[in-house]
Amino acid sequence: MVMCKQKRKFLYFIPFLVLQTLLLVSCGGKSKSSNKDPFVSVWKTDADNQSITLPLRSGYNYDFTVDWGDESVIDHITSSSDPLATHTYEKEGTYEVTIKGLLESWYFNNTGDKDYIIEVKNLGDVGWVNLEQAFNGCEQLTSFAGGNTSEVTNMKGMFGAAISLSSLDVSSFDTSKVTDMSGMFSFLWGLSAVDVTNFDTSMVTDMAYMFYSIPSLSSLNVSNFDTSKVTNMSNMFSSMFSLLMLNLSNFDTSMVTDMTGMFSQDTGLVSLNLNGWDVTNVTQNNNVFSSIGSSVMGGTTLYCDQSGGSLFGLSCN
């Protein structure tokens, strides 16, 4: 009899344990996905009843919720063609958009509603795979930070022509799987500083136009770059008018075939260190040093150790 009573007490206790577990999960516990940083951006509309459309690229996976920042219903988006990816704001204003879930690609590509995004507070941890041309042409974008990019393979033109971008924090970027960085920072006219010392470039094959036309950038540290797989460096540092010194003695250029215009129009460059460069596979070398150091008294001092005492027509020191 005592045994039966104890069994009944235990059976009564089971529902309580289940309920307690459910409450812990729903109220206090957090799932693995909820612990991930959301993608947070700020948009500014310039008229009442204005719509914006998220630049989702076809061919990628999407399963995320979006809080549009205007107290409207939170939408759940599952494809690049989902009509819920377009939202209308009743009133002109500035809105913080928060995305949680799976978002593999973002592709403004200098089209769509590129002029309404003004800030990326955190690129987030949302499963990024492809960021090619992600913010290309976003002329009103002024600041950018954050992001888990550990699965990203393509960053071609990612920030290209974001001409107002003045604050760029890519210190959290994991670039260990990226193969294409061509044009990644091109035409950033408002940028005066960028730190890429954390970049793992061991898989990159294309760096053409990577830092092209950043006229206000006076210094750049790429001493950590692994360029052993790079084949294209054409115009990589071209038109960086304010750049004063550049040490690329760490670059492995043994695979490079194209160096066309690599340092052309770097008119303020005082010192360039290319010691140790192997250019035996370079077949395209037109205008590598065109107008380099043209505004510097005495021109650019080139440090190189080529057997002929010059590199692409410029004397070594």
C-alpha atoms as a PDB file:
ATOM      1  CA  MET A   1       0.000   0.000   0.000  1.00  0.00           C
ATOM      2  CA  VAL A   2       2.824   2.353   0.850  1.00  0.00           C
ATOM      3  CA  MET A   3       4.489   1.384  -2.436  1.00  0.00           C
ATOM      4  CA  CYS A   4       1.333   2.295  -4.439  1.00  0.00           C
ATOM      5  CA  LYS A   5       1.097   5.704  -2.776  1.00  0.00           C
ATOM      6  CA  GLN A   6       4.694   6.457  -3.633  1.00  0.00           C
ATOM      7  CA  LYS A   7       4.064   5.470  -7.276  1.00  0.00           C
ATOM      8  CA  ARG A   8       1.034   7.749  -7.456  1.00  0.00           C
ATOM      9  CA  LYS A   9       3.040  10.657  -6.029  1.00  0.00           C
ATOM     10  CA  PHE A  10       5.765  10.077  -8.623  1.00  0.00           C
ATOM     11  CA  LEU A  11       3.198   9.960 -11.461  1.00  0.00           C
ATOM     12  CA  TYR A  12       1.686  13.254 -10.250  1.00  0.00           C
ATOM     13  CA  PHE A  13       5.169  14.771 -10.241  1.00  0.00           C
ATOM     14  CA  ILE A  14       5.947  13.912 -13.900  1.00  0.00           C
ATOM     15  CA  PRO A  15       3.602  16.555 -15.440  1.00  0.00           C
ATOM     16  CA  PHE A  16       5.126  19.153 -13.150  1.00  0.00           C
ATOM     17  CA  LEU A  17       8.609  18.293 -14.404  1.00  0.00           C
ATOM     18  CA  VAL A  18       7.459  18.518 -18.037  1.00  0.00           C
ATOM     19  CA  LEU A  19       5.784  21.868 -17.433  1.00  0.00           C
ATOM     20  CA  GLN A  20       8.834  23.208 -15.623  1.00  0.00           C
ATOM     21  CA  THR A  21      11.085  22.141 -18.510  1.00  0.00           C
ATOM     22  CA  LEU A  22       8.818  23.812 -21.085  1.00  0.00           C
ATOM     23  CA  LEU A  23       8.765  27.023 -19.084  1.00  0.00           C
ATOM     24  CA  LEU A  24      12.551  26.986 -18.787  1.00  0.00           C
ATOM     25  CA  VAL A  25      12.968  26.612 -22.543  1.00  0.00           C
ATOM     26  CA  SER A  26      10.355  29.219 -23.485  1.00  0.00           C
ATOM     27  CA  CYS A  27      11.168  31.797 -20.834  1.00  0.00           C
ATOM     28  CA  GLY A  28      14.710  31.420 -19.638  1.00  0.00           C
ATOM     29  CA  GLY A  29      16.488  29.052 -21.989  1.00  0.00           C
ATOM     30  CA  LYS A  30      17.821  30.161 -25.367  1.00  0.00           C
ATOM     31  CA  SER A  31      18.167  28.089 -28.509  1.00  0.00           C
ATOM     32  CA  LYS A  32      21.415  27.930 -30.406  1.00  0.00           C
ATOM     33  CA  SER A  33      20.030  30.215 -33.161  1.00  0.00           C
ATOM     34  CA  SER A  34      18.724  32.838 -30.716  1.00  0.00           C
ATOM     35  CA  ASN A  35      22.243  33.240 -29.340  1.00  0.00           C
ATOM     36  CA  LYS A  36      23.492  34.352 -32.741  1.00  0.00           C
ATOM     37  CA  ASP A  37      23.879  38.039 -33.496  1.00  0.00           C
ATOM     38  CA  PRO A  38      21.128  39.404 -35.747  1.00  0.00           C
ATOM     39  CA  PHE A  39      21.799  41.453 -38.853  1.00  0.00           C
ATOM     40  CA  VAL A  40      20.978  45.019 -37.840  1.00  0.00           C
ATOM     41  CA  SER A  41      20.819  47.847 -40.371  1.00  0.00           C
ATOM     42  CA  VAL A  42      19.391  51.369 -40.463  1.00  0.00           C
ATOM     43  CA  TRP A  43      17.323  52.726 -43.335  1.00  0.00           C
ATOM     44  CA  LYS A  44      16.099  56.246 -44.026  1.00  0.00           C
ATOM     45  CA  THR A  45      13.030  56.878 -46.159  1.00  0.00           C
ATOM     46  CA  ASP A  46      12.414  60.251 -47.769  1.00  0.00           C
ATOM     47  CA  ALA A  47       8.642  60.193 -48.207  1.00  0.00           C
ATOM     48  CA  ASP A  48       5.471  58.833 -46.638  1.00  0.00           C
ATOM     49  CA  ASN A  49       4.256  55.427 -47.850  1.00  0.00           C
ATOM     50  CA  GLN A  50       7.654  54.562 -49.222  1.00  0.00           C
ATOM     51  CA  SER A  51       8.557  50.915 -49.811  1.00  0.00           C
ATOM     52  CA  ILE A  52      11.920  49.205 -49.481  1.00  0.00           C
ATOM     53  CA  THR A  53      12.867  45.761 -50.744  1.00  0.00           C
ATOM     54  CA  LEU A  54      15.557  43.596 -49.188  1.00  0.00           C
ATOM     55  CA  PRO A  55      18.165  42.736 -51.878  1.00  0.00           C
ATOM     56  CA  LEU A  56      17.922  38.955 -51.736  1.00  0.00           C
ATOM     57  CA  ARG A  57      19.830  37.072 -54.413  1.00  0.00           C
ATOM     58  CA  SER A  58      18.177  34.110 -56.116  1.00  0.00           C
ATOM     59  CA  GLY A  59      19.738  30.688 -55.745  1.00  0.00           C
ATOM     60  CA  TYR A  60      20.405  30.948 -52.006  1.00  0.00           C
ATOM     61  CA  ASN A  61      18.613  29.796 -48.863  1.00  0.00           C
ATOM     62  CA  TYR A  62      16.484  32.109 -46.726  1.00  0.00           C
ATOM     63  CA  ASP A  63      14.518  31.417 -43.585  1.00  0.00           C
ATOM     64  CA  PHE A  64      14.468  34.503 -41.385  1.00  0.00           C
ATOM     65  CA  THR A  65      12.272  36.920 -39.510  1.00  0.00           C
ATOM     66  CA  VAL A  66      12.490  40.659 -40.001  1.00  0.00           C
ATOM     67  CA  ASP A  67      11.494  43.379 -37.564  1.00  0.00           C
ATOM     68  CA  TRP A  68      11.052  46.489 -39.707  1.00  0.00           C
ATOM     69  CA  GLY A  69      11.448  48.873 -36.772  1.00  0.00           C
ATOM     70  CA  ASP A  70       8.052  50.556 -37.134  1.00  0.00           C
ATOM     71  CA  GLU A  71       6.003  48.399 -34.733  1.00  0.00           C
ATOM     72  CA  SER A  72       4.465  46.512 -37.631  1.00  0.00           C
ATOM     73  CA  VAL A  73       4.008  42.733 -37.773  1.00  0.00           C
ATOM     74  CA  ILE A  74       7.261  40.751 -37.804  1.00  0.00           C
ATOM     75  CA  ASP A  75       7.513  39.021 -41.173  1.00  0.00           C
ATOM     76  CA  HIS A  76       8.879  35.549 -41.903  1.00  0.00           C
ATOM     77  CA  ILE A  77      10.726  35.312 -45.231  1.00  0.00           C
ATOM     78  CA  THR A  78      11.633  32.004 -46.861  1.00  0.00           C
ATOM     79  CA  SER A  79      12.761  32.793 -50.419  1.00  0.00           C
ATOM     80  CA  SER A  80      14.359  35.493 -52.556  1.00  0.00           C
ATOM     81  CA  SER A  81      11.013  36.058 -54.311  1.00  0.00           C
ATOM     82  CA  ASP A  82       8.963  36.247 -51.116  1.00  0.00           C
ATOM     83  CA  PRO A  83       6.628  39.282 -51.386  1.00  0.00           C
ATOM     84  CA  LEU A  84       7.162  39.923 -47.672  1.00  0.00           C
ATOM     85  CA  ALA A  85      10.706  41.071 -48.519  1.00  0.00           C
ATOM     86  CA  THR A  86       9.108  44.375 -49.540  1.00  0.00           C
ATOM     87  CA  HIS A  87       7.834  46.636 -46.787  1.00  0.00           C
ATOM     88  CA  THR A  88       6.015  49.978 -46.884  1.00  0.00           C
ATOM     89  CA  TYR A  89       6.654  52.621 -44.231  1.00  0.00           C
ATOM     90  CA  GLU A  90       3.667  54.841 -43.580  1.00  0.00           C
ATOM     91  CA  LYS A  91       5.752  57.781 -42.436  1.00  0.00           C
ATOM     92  CA  GLU A  92       9.010  59.239 -43.645  1.00  0.00           C
ATOM     93  CA  GLY A  93      11.777  58.555 -41.148  1.00  0.00           C
ATOM     94  CA  THR A  94      14.705  56.460 -39.966  1.00  0.00           C
ATOM     95  CA  TYR A  95      14.141  52.816 -39.092  1.00  0.00           C
ATOM     96  CA  GLU A  96      16.269  50.055 -37.566  1.00  0.00           C
ATOM     97  CA  VAL A  97      15.729  46.744 -39.356  1.00  0.00           C
ATOM     98  CA  THR A  98      16.606  43.545 -37.472  1.00  0.00           C
ATOM     99  CA  ILE A  99      16.931  40.179 -39.181  1.00  0.00           C
ATOM    100  CA  LYS A 100      17.210  36.855 -37.351  1.00  0.00           C
ATOM    101  CA  GLY A 101      17.607  33.419 -38.902  1.00  0.00           C
ATOM    102  CA  LEU A 102      19.127  32.188 -42.153  1.00  0.00           C
ATOM    103  CA  LEU A 103      20.200  34.741 -44.775  1.00  0.00           C
ATOM    104  CA  GLU A 104      22.860  33.399 -47.150  1.00  0.00           C
ATOM    105  CA  SER A 105      23.267  36.283 -49.584  1.00  0.00           C
ATOM    106  CA  TRP A 106      22.718  40.042 -49.890  1.00  0.00           C
ATOM    107  CA  TYR A 107      23.068  41.633 -53.321  1.00  0.00           C
ATOM    108  CA  PHE A 108      22.457  45.330 -53.932  1.00  0.00           C
ATOM    109  CA  ASN A 109      24.835  45.323 -56.922  1.00  0.00           C
ATOM    110  CA  ASN A 110      24.284  49.075 -57.392  1.00  0.00           C
ATOM    111  CA  THR A 111      20.543  48.586 -57.914  1.00  0.00           C
ATOM    112  CA  GLY A 112      17.264  48.563 -56.013  1.00  0.00           C
ATOM    113  CA  ASP A 113      16.835  50.532 -52.799  1.00  0.00           C
ATOM    114  CA  LYS A 114      20.578  50.983 -52.286  1.00  0.00           C
ATOM    115  CA  ASP A 115      20.253  54.681 -51.407  1.00  0.00           C
ATOM    116  CA  TYR A 116      18.042  54.110 -48.356  1.00  0.00           C
ATOM    117  CA  ILE A 117      20.397  52.000 -46.251  1.00  0.00           C
ATOM    118  CA  ILE A 118      22.577  54.356 -44.197  1.00  0.00           C
ATOM    119  CA  GLU A 119      24.208  52.135 -41.578  1.00  0.00           C
ATOM    120  CA  VAL A 120      25.056  48.514 -40.820  1.00  0.00           C
ATOM    121  CA  LYS A 121      25.293  48.253 -37.040  1.00  0.00           C
ATOM    122  CA  ASN A 122      26.082  44.547 -37.169  1.00  0.00           C
ATOM    123  CA  LEU A 123      26.284  42.319 -40.239  1.00  0.00           C
ATOM    124  CA  GLY A 124      25.319  39.536 -37.881  1.00  0.00           C
ATOM    125  CA  ASP A 125      25.659  35.792 -37.724  1.00  0.00           C
ATOM    126  CA  VAL A 126      22.945  34.698 -40.130  1.00  0.00           C
ATOM    127  CA  GLY A 127      24.651  32.087 -42.287  1.00  0.00           C
ATOM    128  CA  TRP A 128      26.307  34.280 -44.893  1.00  0.00           C
ATOM    129  CA  VAL A 129      27.680  32.384 -47.927  1.00  0.00           C
ATOM    130  CA  ASN A 130      28.041  34.974 -50.703  1.00  0.00           C
ATOM    131  CA  LEU A 131      28.623  38.715 -50.228  1.00  0.00           C
ATOM    132  CA  GLU A 132      29.588  39.567 -53.794  1.00  0.00           C
ATOM    133  CA  GLN A 133      28.484  43.167 -54.568  1.00  0.00           C
ATOM    134  CA  ALA A 134      26.528  43.093 -51.281  1.00  0.00           C
ATOM    135  CA  PHE A 135      26.692  46.842 -50.614  1.00  0.00           C
ATOM    136  CA  ASN A 136      27.935  47.947 -54.003  1.00  0.00           C
ATOM    137  CA  GLY A 137      26.652  51.389 -54.905  1.00  0.00           C
ATOM    138  CA  CYS A 138      25.169  52.137 -51.473  1.00  0.00           C
ATOM    139  CA  GLU A 139      26.076  55.807 -51.685  1.00  0.00           C
ATOM    140  CA  GLN A 140      24.378  56.827 -48.417  1.00  0.00           C
ATOM    141  CA  LEU A 141      25.951  54.086 -46.311  1.00  0.00           C
ATOM    142  CA  THR A 142      28.230  55.805 -43.771  1.00  0.00           C
ATOM    143  CA  SER A 143      29.241  53.091 -41.301  1.00  0.00           C
ATOM    144  CA  PHE A 144      29.607  49.339 -41.178  1.00  0.00           C
ATOM    145  CA  ALA A 145      30.562  46.841 -38.455  1.00  0.00           C
ATOM    146  CA  GLY A 146      30.389  43.220 -37.355  1.00  0.00           C
ATOM    147  CA  GLY A 147      29.565  39.972 -39.029  1.00  0.00           C
ATOM    148  CA  ASN A 148      30.374  36.270 -39.013  1.00  0.00           C
ATOM    149  CA  THR A 149      31.706  35.541 -42.500  1.00  0.00           C
ATOM    150  CA  SER A 150      33.306  32.169 -41.847  1.00  0.00           C
ATOM    151  CA  GLU A 151      31.395  30.451 -44.688  1.00  0.00           C
ATOM    152  CA  VAL A 152      31.688  33.240 -47.247  1.00  0.00           C
ATOM    153  CA  THR A 153      33.596  32.423 -50.442  1.00  0.00           C
ATOM    154  CA  ASN A 154      33.036  35.594 -52.480  1.00  0.00           C
ATOM    155  CA  MET A 155      33.531  39.229 -51.425  1.00  0.00           C
ATOM    156  CA  LYS A 156      33.990  40.682 -54.897  1.00  0.00           C
ATOM    157  CA  GLY A 157      32.940  44.347 -54.966  1.00  0.00           C
ATOM    158  CA  MET A 158      31.385  44.012 -51.510  1.00  0.00           C
ATOM    159  CA  PHE A 159      31.757  47.708 -50.596  1.00  0.00           C
ATOM    160  CA  GLY A 160      32.446  49.041 -54.086  1.00  0.00           C
ATOM    161  CA  ALA A 161      31.321  52.623 -54.716  1.00  0.00           C
ATOM    162  CA  ALA A 162      29.929  53.075 -51.219  1.00  0.00           C
ATOM    163  CA  ILE A 163      31.326  56.566 -51.567  1.00  0.00           C
ATOM    164  CA  SER A 164      30.095  57.935 -48.205  1.00  0.00           C
ATOM    165  CA  LEU A 165      31.424  55.067 -46.119  1.00  0.00           C
ATOM    166  CA  SER A 166      33.740  56.646 -43.543  1.00  0.00           C
ATOM    167  CA  SER A 167      33.658  54.092 -40.721  1.00  0.00           C
ATOM    168  CA  LEU A 168      34.462  50.515 -41.716  1.00  0.00           C
ATOM    169  CA  ASP A 169      35.113  47.850 -39.086  1.00  0.00           C
ATOM    170  CA  VAL A 170      35.880  44.442 -40.608  1.00  0.00           C
ATOM    171  CA  SER A 171      37.863  43.185 -37.616  1.00  0.00           C
ATOM    172  CA  SER A 172      35.396  40.334 -37.042  1.00  0.00           C
ATOM    173  CA  PHE A 173      35.667  39.006 -40.602  1.00  0.00           C
ATOM    174  CA  ASP A 174      36.767  35.411 -41.115  1.00  0.00           C
ATOM    175  CA  THR A 175      37.994  35.344 -44.705  1.00  0.00           C
ATOM    176  CA  SER A 176      39.607  31.920 -44.666  1.00  0.00           C
ATOM    177  CA  LYS A 177      37.289  30.569 -47.401  1.00  0.00           C
ATOM    178  CA  VAL A 178      37.160  33.649 -49.628  1.00  0.00           C
ATOM    179  CA  THR A 179      38.592  33.194 -53.132  1.00  0.00           C
ATOM    180  CA  ASP A 180      37.635  36.531 -54.729  1.00  0.00           C
ATOM    181  CA  MET A 181      38.325  39.958 -53.191  1.00  0.00           C
ATOM    182  CA  SER A 182      38.525  41.897 -56.442  1.00  0.00           C
ATOM    183  CA  GLY A 183      37.120  45.407 -56.119  1.00  0.00           C
ATOM    184  CA  MET A 184      36.183  44.775 -52.507  1.00  0.00           C
ATOM    185  CA  PHE A 185      37.104  48.278 -51.281  1.00  0.00           C
ATOM    186  CA  SER A 186      37.102  50.152 -54.592  1.00  0.00           C
ATOM    187  CA  PHE A 187      35.821  53.731 -54.876  1.00  0.00           C
ATOM    188  CA  LEU A 188      35.549  54.313 -51.123  1.00  0.00           C
ATOM    189  CA  TRP A 189      36.033  58.049 -51.414  1.00  0.00           C
ATOM    190  CA  GLY A 190      35.069  58.829 -47.819  1.00  0.00           C
ATOM    191  CA  LEU A 191      37.343  56.265 -46.177  1.00  0.00           C
ATOM    192  CA  SER A 192      40.531  57.444 -44.459  1.00  0.00           C
ATOM    193  CA  ALA A 193      41.368  54.273 -42.487  1.00  0.00           C
ATOM    194  CA  VAL A 194      40.796  50.533 -42.771  1.00  0.00           C
ATOM    195  CA  ASP A 195      42.301  47.672 -40.764  1.00  0.00           C
ATOM    196  CA  VAL A 196      42.668  44.394 -42.670  1.00  0.00           C
ATOM    197  CA  THR A 197      45.444  42.904 -40.535  1.00  0.00           C
ATOM    198  CA  ASN A 198      43.133  40.066 -39.459  1.00  0.00           C
ATOM    199  CA  PHE A 199      42.387  38.940 -43.025  1.00  0.00           C
ATOM    200  CA  ASP A 200      43.234  35.356 -43.970  1.00  0.00           C
ATOM    201  CA  THR A 201      43.826  35.550 -47.724  1.00  0.00           C
ATOM    202  CA  SER A 202      45.315  32.098 -48.191  1.00  0.00           C
ATOM    203  CA  MET A 203      42.543  31.014 -50.588  1.00  0.00           C
ATOM    204  CA  VAL A 204      42.226  34.241 -52.580  1.00  0.00           C
ATOM    205  CA  THR A 205      43.067  34.085 -56.294  1.00  0.00           C
ATOM    206  CA  ASP A 206      41.795  37.495 -57.455  1.00  0.00           C
ATOM    207  CA  MET A 207      42.768  40.832 -55.849  1.00  0.00           C
ATOM    208  CA  ALA A 208      42.325  43.039 -58.915  1.00  0.00           C
ATOM    209  CA  TYR A 209      41.118  46.565 -58.039  1.00  0.00           C
ATOM    210  CA  MET A 210      40.885  45.560 -54.370  1.00  0.00           C
ATOM    211  CA  PHE A 211      41.890  48.996 -53.026  1.00  0.00           C
ATOM    212  CA  TYR A 212      41.320  50.959 -56.207  1.00  0.00           C
ATOM    213  CA  SER A 213      40.526  54.672 -55.867  1.00  0.00           C
ATOM    214  CA  ILE A 214      40.547  55.252 -52.115  1.00  0.00           C
ATOM    215  CA  PRO A 215      41.905  58.793 -52.394  1.00  0.00           C
ATOM    216  CA  SER A 216      41.927  59.675 -48.670  1.00  0.00           C
ATOM    217  CA  LEU A 217      43.734  56.584 -47.400  1.00  0.00           C
ATOM    218  CA  SER A 218      47.296  57.537 -46.427  1.00  0.00           C
ATOM    219  CA  SER A 219      48.442  54.242 -44.917  1.00  0.00           C
ATOM    220  CA  LEU A 220      47.683  50.574 -45.454  1.00  0.00           C
ATOM    221  CA  ASN A 221      49.080  47.520 -43.679  1.00  0.00           C
ATOM    222  CA  VAL A 222      48.835  44.313 -45.695  1.00  0.00           C
ATOM    223  CA  SER A 223      51.921  42.659 -44.209  1.00  0.00           C
ATOM    224  CA  ASN A 224      49.804  39.683 -43.126  1.00  0.00           C
ATOM    225  CA  PHE A 225      48.438  38.913 -46.617  1.00  0.00           C
ATOM    226  CA  ASP A 226      49.088  35.449 -47.994  1.00  0.00           C
ATOM    227  CA  THR A 227      49.137  35.955 -51.763  1.00  0.00           C
ATOM    228  CA  SER A 228      50.512  32.574 -52.740  1.00  0.00           C
ATOM    229  CA  LYS A 229      47.398  31.706 -54.805  1.00  0.00           C
ATOM    230  CA  VAL A 230      46.745  35.128 -56.324  1.00  0.00           C
ATOM    231  CA  THR A 231      46.951  35.340 -60.118  1.00  0.00           C
ATOM    232  CA  ASN A 232      45.442  38.796 -60.731  1.00  0.00           C
ATOM    233  CA  MET A 233      46.705  41.984 -59.044  1.00  0.00           C
ATOM    234  CA  SER A 234      45.804  44.426 -61.800  1.00  0.00           C
ATOM    235  CA  ASN A 235      45.110  47.935 -60.453  1.00  0.00           C
ATOM    236  CA  MET A 236      45.138  46.543 -56.920  1.00  0.00           C
ATOM    237  CA  PHE A 237      46.484  49.768 -55.372  1.00  0.00           C
ATOM    238  CA  SER A 238      45.830  52.177 -58.232  1.00  0.00           C
ATOM    239  CA  SER A 239      44.624  55.770 -57.728  1.00  0.00           C
ATOM    240  CA  MET A 240      45.391  55.893 -54.014  1.00  0.00           C
ATOM    241  CA  PHE A 241      46.495  59.524 -54.233  1.00  0.00           C
ATOM    242  CA  SER A 242      47.221  60.013 -50.511  1.00  0.00           C
ATOM    243  CA  LEU A 243      49.100  56.772 -49.904  1.00  0.00           C
ATOM    244  CA  LEU A 244      52.606  57.602 -48.662  1.00  0.00           C
ATOM    245  CA  MET A 245      54.370  54.290 -48.035  1.00  0.00           C
ATOM    246  CA  LEU A 246      53.673  50.692 -48.963  1.00  0.00           C
ATOM    247  CA  ASN A 247      55.662  47.635 -47.925  1.00  0.00           C
ATOM    248  CA  LEU A 248      54.795  44.555 -49.974  1.00  0.00           C
ATOM    249  CA  SER A 249      58.028  42.653 -49.427  1.00  0.00           C
ATOM    250  CA  ASN A 250      55.981  39.860 -47.842  1.00  0.00           C
ATOM    251  CA  PHE A 251      53.947  39.279 -51.023  1.00  0.00           C
ATOM    252  CA  ASP A 252      54.361  35.941 -52.771  1.00  0.00           C
ATOM    253  CA  THR A 253      53.863  36.919 -56.412  1.00  0.00           C
ATOM    254  CA  SER A 254      55.036  33.676 -57.979  1.00  0.00           C
ATOM    255  CA  MET A 255      51.554  32.851 -59.343  1.00  0.00           C
ATOM    256  CA  VAL A 256      50.635  36.339 -60.544  1.00  0.00           C
ATOM    257  CA  THR A 257      50.137  36.783 -64.289  1.00  0.00           C
ATOM    258  CA  ASP A 258      48.504  40.236 -64.394  1.00  0.00           C
ATOM    259  CA  MET A 259      49.939  43.360 -62.725  1.00  0.00           C
ATOM    260  CA  THR A 260      48.494  45.892 -65.162  1.00  0.00           C
ATOM    261  CA  GLY A 261      48.347  49.377 -63.606  1.00  0.00           C
ATOM    262  CA  MET A 262      48.994  47.943 -60.162  1.00  0.00           C
ATOM    263  CA  PHE A 263      50.359  51.221 -58.690  1.00  0.00           C
ATOM    264  CA  SER A 264      49.307  53.658 -61.402  1.00  0.00           C
ATOM    265  CA  GLN A 265      48.241  57.138 -60.296  1.00  0.00           C
ATOM    266  CA  ASP A 266      49.650  56.681 -56.787  1.00  0.00           C
ATOM    267  CA  THR A 267      50.950  60.203 -57.141  1.00  0.00           C
ATOM    268  CA  GLY A 268      51.865  60.761 -53.486  1.00  0.00           C
ATOM    269  CA  LEU A 269      53.742  57.512 -52.907  1.00  0.00           C
ATOM    270  CA  VAL A 270      57.128  58.233 -51.340  1.00  0.00           C
ATOM    271  CA  SER A 271      58.346  54.685 -50.682  1.00  0.00           C
ATOM    272  CA  LEU A 272      57.480  51.311 -52.195  1.00  0.00           C
ATOM    273  CA  ASN A 273      59.143  48.092 -51.019  1.00  0.00           C
ATOM    274  CA  LEU A 274      58.917  45.189 -53.459  1.00  0.00           C
ATOM    275  CA  ASN A 275      61.970  43.275 -52.278  1.00  0.00           C
ATOM    276  CA  GLY A 276      61.799  39.560 -52.980  1.00  0.00           C
ATOM    277  CA  TRP A 277      59.216  39.722 -55.733  1.00  0.00           C
ATOM    278  CA  ASP A 278      59.064  36.886 -58.257  1.00  0.00           C
ATOM    279  CA  VAL A 279      57.574  38.235 -61.492  1.00  0.00           C
ATOM    280  CA  THR A 280      58.573  35.395 -63.779  1.00  0.00           C
ATOM    281  CA  ASN A 281      54.941  34.493 -64.559  1.00  0.00           C
ATOM    282  CA  VAL A 282      53.725  38.034 -65.132  1.00  0.00           C
ATOM    283  CA  THR A 283      52.573  38.416 -68.733  1.00  0.00           C
ATOM    284  CA  GLN A 284      50.546  41.622 -68.419  1.00  0.00           C
ATOM    285  CA  ASN A 285      52.503  44.534 -66.963  1.00  0.00           C
ATOM    286  CA  ASN A 286      51.372  47.661 -68.788  1.00  0.00           C
ATOM    287  CA  ASN A 287      51.427  50.899 -66.775  1.00  0.00           C
ATOM    288  CA  VAL A 288      52.398  49.189 -63.514  1.00  0.00           C
ATOM    289  CA  PHE A 289      54.035  52.413 -62.272  1.00  0.00           C
ATOM    290  CA  SER A 290      52.259  54.993 -64.441  1.00  0.00           C
ATOM    291  CA  SER A 291      52.396  58.457 -62.766  1.00  0.00           C
ATOM    292  CA  ILE A 292      53.620  56.912 -59.521  1.00  0.00           C
ATOM    293  CA  GLY A 293      55.139  59.529 -57.187  1.00  0.00           C
ATOM    294  CA  SER A 294      54.518  62.292 -59.719  1.00  0.00           C
ATOM    295  CA  SER A 295      53.720  64.785 -56.972  1.00  0.00           C
ATOM    296  CA  VAL A 296      56.713  63.765 -54.838  1.00  0.00           C
ATOM    297  CA  MET A 297      60.020  65.594 -55.198  1.00  0.00           C
ATOM    298  CA  GLY A 298      62.417  63.066 -56.661  1.00  0.00           C
ATOM    299  CA  GLY A 299      59.627  60.584 -57.287  1.00  0.00           C
ATOM    300  CA  THR A 300      58.936  57.320 -55.513  1.00  0.00           C
ATOM    301  CA  THR A 301      61.818  55.407 -53.970  1.00  0.00           C
ATOM    302  CA  LEU A 302      61.437  51.819 -55.160  1.00  0.00           C
ATOM    303  CA  TYR A 303      63.091  49.091 -53.119  1.00  0.00           C
ATOM    304  CA  CYS A 304      63.551  45.930 -55.146  1.00  0.00           C
ATOM    305  CA  ASP A 305      66.238  43.327 -55.712  1.00  0.00           C
ATOM    306  CA  GLN A 306      65.760  42.338 -59.327  1.00  0.00           C
ATOM    307  CA  SER A 307      68.861  41.009 -61.023  1.00  0.00           C
ATOM    308  CA  GLY A 308      68.682  43.650 -63.743  1.00  0.00           C
ATOM    309  CA  GLY A 309      68.482  46.496 -61.238  1.00  0.00           C
ATOM    310  CA  SER A 310      64.983  47.544 -62.343  1.00  0.00           C
ATOM    311  CA  LEU A 311      61.408  46.338 -62.239  1.00  0.00           C
ATOM    312  CA  PHE A 312      59.063  47.009 -65.150  1.00  0.00           C
ATOM    313  CA  GLY A 313      61.238  49.917 -66.219  1.00  0.00           C
ATOM    314  CA  LEU A 314      61.650  51.559 -62.801  1.00  0.00           C
ATOM    315  CA  SER A 315      65.116  51.528 -61.209  1.00  0.00           C
ATOM    316  CA  CYS A 316      65.633  49.709 -57.931  1.00  0.00           C
ATOM    317  CA  ASN A 317      67.236  51.266 -54.873  1.00  0.00           C
END
